[in-house]
Amino acid sequence: MKKMPMILIVEDEPAIAELIAVNLRHNGFTPVWAEDGESAQRELDAVLPDVILLDWMLPGTSGLQLARKWRSEGRTKSVPILMLTARGDEPDKVAGLDAGADDYITKPFSTQELLARIRAVLRRRAPEQIQDKVSIGELVLDAAAHRVSWQGDMLKVGPTEFKLLHFMMKHPERVHSRAQLLDKVWGDHVFIEERTVDVHVKRLREALGVAGTVIETVRGAGYRLSAQALA
């Protein structure tokens, strides 16, 4: 029997949580509800879910703080996080993505949109299975060990930035539009904003430090990884 993906719903409003849970059950998912960060951590310690639906406004520790915490820990850093919130302004979206969320859904949202986004983040996990090593000058990415180094020093790169760098290092000197990067790195991007790419490119450059110049912005076209920038 095929295992149904487990979705951890971290939401302090029971009515909203129940509505989401019912729709998930009817569409082939196994929902688990936690009403705050403490109970969510207990669920994570017991069993890792396939996706976390995380409300921004929670009693005690906020969703933003939880996202940062789970992204920084080895056991939970690769679990997709969808941030659920009524805060729809662009600065809030950027804050959510910067905290480590893979996607951002503004309340109120339709059931079909929520399901489509969950399925999309589940598909995006596939590129992580590629187990190879690629290098551009002294910048080295080891997919099997999930490590990135520059001149022999290990760099701290988030999971989404790791996949973005991996793809660009496999296809150097080519200009990739935001839409192409969403398609190749994130997967089905029909519900994902192109602004997401800019946020993750910014974070990738910051993580690479001096080597960040390898990621070039091509005005009006997209981004390119150029070895010449490291010369």
Protein backbone atom coordinates (compact mmCIF):
# COMPACT_ATOMS: atom_id res chain seq x y z
CA MET A 1 0.00 0.00 0.00
CA LYS A 2 1.36 3.41 -0.98
CA LYS A 3 2.35 5.61 1.97
CA MET A 4 0.35 8.84 2.19
CA PRO A 5 2.54 11.94 2.66
CA MET A 6 2.39 13.28 6.21
CA ILE A 7 1.65 17.00 6.60
CA LEU A 8 2.30 18.75 9.92
CA ILE A 9 -0.17 21.62 10.38
CA VAL A 10 1.13 24.19 12.88
CA GLU A 11 -1.91 26.42 13.42
CA ASP A 12 -3.38 27.84 16.64
CA GLU A 13 -6.94 28.29 15.31
CA PRO A 14 -8.74 24.91 15.60
CA ALA A 15 -11.38 25.73 12.97
CA ILE A 16 -8.75 26.56 10.33
CA ALA A 17 -6.61 23.56 11.27
CA GLU A 18 -9.60 21.19 11.04
CA LEU A 19 -10.67 22.58 7.66
CA ILE A 20 -7.15 22.08 6.28
CA ALA A 21 -6.91 18.60 7.83
CA VAL A 22 -10.24 17.46 6.32
CA ASN A 23 -9.21 18.61 2.85
CA LEU A 24 -5.81 16.96 3.17
CA ARG A 25 -7.36 13.64 4.20
CA HIS A 26 -9.76 13.73 1.25
CA ASN A 27 -6.83 14.27 -1.11
CA GLY A 28 -4.48 11.50 -0.06
CA PHE A 29 -2.47 13.12 2.75
CA THR A 30 -2.07 12.28 6.43
CA PRO A 31 -2.51 15.49 8.49
CA VAL A 32 -1.10 15.97 11.99
CA TRP A 33 -2.07 19.07 13.98
CA ALA A 34 0.04 21.06 16.43
CA GLU A 35 -1.32 24.28 17.97
CA ASP A 36 1.99 25.90 18.90
CA GLY A 37 5.76 25.61 18.55
CA GLU A 38 6.18 23.37 21.58
CA SER A 39 3.68 20.75 20.41
CA ALA A 40 5.02 21.02 16.85
CA GLN A 41 8.53 20.24 18.12
CA ARG A 42 7.21 17.14 19.91
CA GLU A 43 5.63 15.93 16.65
CA LEU A 44 8.88 16.57 14.76
CA ASP A 45 10.91 14.74 17.37
CA ALA A 46 8.61 11.73 17.01
CA VAL A 47 8.25 11.55 13.21
CA LEU A 48 9.54 13.83 10.45
CA PRO A 49 6.68 14.99 8.20
CA ASP A 50 6.92 15.33 4.43
CA VAL A 51 5.77 18.98 4.56
CA ILE A 52 5.19 21.55 7.32
CA LEU A 53 2.31 24.04 7.00
CA LEU A 54 3.39 26.78 9.39
CA ASP A 55 1.24 29.68 10.56
CA TRP A 56 3.17 32.94 11.03
CA MET A 57 1.21 34.18 14.07
CA LEU A 58 1.43 31.60 16.85
CA PRO A 59 1.26 31.90 20.66
CA GLY A 60 4.75 31.96 22.14
CA THR A 61 7.35 31.29 19.47
CA SER A 62 6.33 32.75 16.09
CA GLY A 63 6.26 30.80 12.85
CA LEU A 64 9.13 32.93 11.59
CA GLN A 65 11.30 31.92 14.57
CA LEU A 66 10.34 28.26 14.18
CA ALA A 67 11.23 28.29 10.48
CA ARG A 68 14.69 29.70 11.26
CA LYS A 69 15.18 27.13 14.03
CA TRP A 70 14.17 24.13 11.92
CA ARG A 71 16.25 25.30 8.95
CA SER A 72 19.34 25.53 11.16
CA GLU A 73 19.04 21.98 12.48
CA GLY A 74 20.40 19.07 10.47
CA ARG A 75 17.44 16.74 11.05
CA THR A 76 14.77 19.20 9.89
CA LYS A 77 16.62 21.48 7.46
CA SER A 78 15.41 19.68 4.32
CA VAL A 79 11.72 19.39 5.29
CA PRO A 80 9.69 21.74 3.02
CA ILE A 81 8.00 24.59 4.91
CA LEU A 82 4.93 26.43 3.59
CA MET A 83 4.26 29.62 5.53
CA LEU A 84 0.56 30.38 6.10
CA THR A 85 -0.29 33.96 7.02
CA ALA A 86 -2.65 36.88 6.60
CA ARG A 87 0.38 39.14 6.09
CA GLY A 88 0.51 39.56 2.32
CA ASP A 89 2.81 42.56 1.86
CA GLU A 90 6.03 41.95 -0.08
CA PRO A 91 8.37 42.73 2.88
CA ASP A 92 6.53 40.07 4.91
CA LYS A 93 6.83 37.56 2.06
CA VAL A 94 10.55 38.26 1.80
CA ALA A 95 10.91 37.87 5.58
CA GLY A 96 9.19 34.50 5.39
CA LEU A 97 11.41 33.30 2.55
CA ASP A 98 14.51 34.64 4.29
CA ALA A 99 13.55 32.68 7.41
CA GLY A 100 13.74 29.51 5.33
CA ALA A 101 10.19 28.98 4.06
CA ASP A 102 10.02 27.26 0.67
CA ASP A 103 6.75 28.95 -0.22
CA TYR A 104 4.31 31.49 1.15
CA ILE A 105 0.50 31.28 1.11
CA THR A 106 -1.59 34.32 2.03
CA LYS A 107 -4.89 33.77 3.85
CA PRO A 108 -7.57 33.33 2.72
CA PHE A 109 -6.49 30.73 0.17
CA SER A 110 -8.39 28.13 -1.83
CA THR A 111 -8.11 24.41 -1.12
CA GLN A 112 -6.94 23.78 -4.69
CA GLU A 113 -4.14 26.35 -4.37
CA LEU A 114 -2.98 24.84 -1.08
CA LEU A 115 -2.98 21.30 -2.49
CA ALA A 116 -1.14 22.42 -5.64
CA ARG A 117 1.57 24.12 -3.61
CA ILE A 118 2.00 21.09 -1.35
CA ARG A 119 2.35 18.81 -4.38
CA ALA A 120 4.82 21.24 -5.94
CA VAL A 121 7.16 21.30 -2.92
CA LEU A 122 7.01 17.51 -2.72
CA ARG A 123 8.13 17.32 -6.38
CA ARG A 124 10.92 19.80 -5.73
CA ARG A 125 12.63 17.44 -3.30
CA ALA A 126 13.66 15.13 -6.18
CA PRO A 127 16.79 17.10 -7.24
CA GLU A 128 18.29 16.47 -3.78
CA GLN A 129 18.76 12.82 -4.76
CA ILE A 130 21.48 13.70 -7.31
CA GLN A 131 24.73 12.45 -5.81
CA ASP A 132 27.66 14.03 -7.66
CA LYS A 133 30.49 16.50 -7.20
CA VAL A 134 31.03 19.60 -9.32
CA SER A 135 33.62 22.38 -9.12
CA ILE A 136 34.16 25.80 -10.66
CA GLY A 137 37.67 26.95 -9.87
CA GLU A 138 38.07 26.64 -6.09
CA LEU A 139 34.32 26.53 -5.52
CA VAL A 140 33.36 22.89 -4.89
CA LEU A 141 29.89 21.39 -4.35
CA ASP A 142 29.60 17.81 -3.12
CA ALA A 143 25.96 16.72 -3.54
CA ALA A 144 26.43 13.36 -1.78
CA ALA A 145 27.85 15.02 1.37
CA HIS A 146 25.64 18.13 0.92
CA ARG A 147 28.68 20.40 1.31
CA VAL A 148 29.94 23.52 -0.41
CA SER A 149 33.50 24.79 0.00
CA TRP A 150 35.48 27.77 -1.23
CA GLN A 151 39.29 27.53 -1.23
CA GLY A 152 38.96 24.54 1.10
CA ASP A 153 36.76 26.31 3.67
CA MET A 154 33.26 24.93 4.24
CA LEU A 155 30.38 27.33 3.62
CA LYS A 156 26.96 27.31 5.26
CA VAL A 157 24.41 27.15 2.45
CA GLY A 158 20.66 26.64 2.95
CA PRO A 159 18.85 23.73 1.25
CA THR A 160 17.15 25.78 -1.47
CA GLU A 161 20.29 27.80 -2.15
CA PHE A 162 22.23 24.51 -2.35
CA LYS A 163 19.92 23.22 -5.10
CA LEU A 164 20.11 26.55 -6.93
CA LEU A 165 23.91 26.58 -6.81
CA HIS A 166 24.05 22.92 -7.86
CA PHE A 167 21.96 23.57 -10.96
CA MET A 168 23.91 26.69 -11.95
CA MET A 169 27.28 24.97 -11.44
CA LYS A 170 26.10 22.12 -13.66
CA HIS A 171 25.18 24.67 -16.35
CA PRO A 172 27.84 27.43 -16.13
CA GLU A 173 28.14 30.41 -18.46
CA ARG A 174 24.48 30.16 -19.48
CA VAL A 175 21.89 32.83 -18.75
CA HIS A 176 18.87 31.38 -16.93
CA SER A 177 15.66 33.39 -16.64
CA ARG A 178 13.79 33.41 -13.34
CA ALA A 179 11.08 31.25 -14.90
CA GLN A 180 13.66 28.70 -16.07
CA LEU A 181 15.28 28.55 -12.62
CA LEU A 182 11.88 28.07 -10.96
CA ASP A 183 11.13 25.24 -13.39
CA LYS A 184 14.50 23.49 -13.09
CA VAL A 185 15.25 24.05 -9.39
CA TRP A 186 11.83 24.34 -7.75
CA GLY A 187 9.78 22.19 -10.13
CA ASP A 188 6.21 23.04 -11.09
CA HIS A 189 6.16 26.79 -10.52
CA VAL A 190 2.66 27.71 -11.57
CA PHE A 191 1.87 29.12 -8.11
CA ILE A 192 5.36 30.42 -7.25
CA GLU A 193 6.31 34.07 -7.69
CA GLU A 194 9.46 34.91 -9.66
CA ARG A 195 10.43 37.22 -6.79
CA THR A 196 11.26 34.01 -4.91
CA VAL A 197 14.30 33.49 -7.17
CA ASP A 198 15.70 36.95 -6.39
CA VAL A 199 15.44 36.31 -2.64
CA HIS A 200 17.28 32.98 -2.88
CA VAL A 201 19.96 34.35 -5.23
CA LYS A 202 20.60 37.13 -2.69
CA ARG A 203 20.88 34.57 0.11
CA LEU A 204 23.16 32.36 -2.01
CA ARG A 205 25.53 35.25 -2.74
CA GLU A 206 25.67 36.11 0.96
CA ALA A 207 26.41 32.47 1.84
CA LEU A 208 29.21 32.29 -0.74
CA GLY A 209 30.89 35.43 0.58
CA VAL A 210 33.81 36.44 -1.65
CA ALA A 211 32.83 33.74 -4.15
CA GLY A 212 29.37 35.30 -4.47
CA THR A 213 30.56 37.25 -7.50
CA VAL A 214 30.31 33.98 -9.45
CA ILE A 215 26.54 34.61 -9.68
CA GLU A 216 26.03 37.42 -12.17
CA THR A 217 22.82 39.36 -12.77
CA VAL A 218 22.10 39.75 -16.48
CA ARG A 219 19.79 42.76 -16.66
CA GLY A 220 16.46 41.99 -18.26
CA ALA A 221 17.37 38.33 -18.75
CA GLY A 222 18.09 36.55 -15.46
CA TYR A 223 21.18 35.08 -13.79
CA ARG A 224 24.39 33.40 -14.92
CA LEU A 225 27.14 31.53 -13.09
CA SER A 226 30.45 32.61 -14.60
CA ALA A 227 33.82 31.11 -13.74
CA GLN A 228 35.44 34.23 -15.16
CA ALA A 229 34.15 36.19 -12.18
CA LEU A 230 36.43 34.12 -9.93
CA ALA A 231 39.54 34.74 -12.05
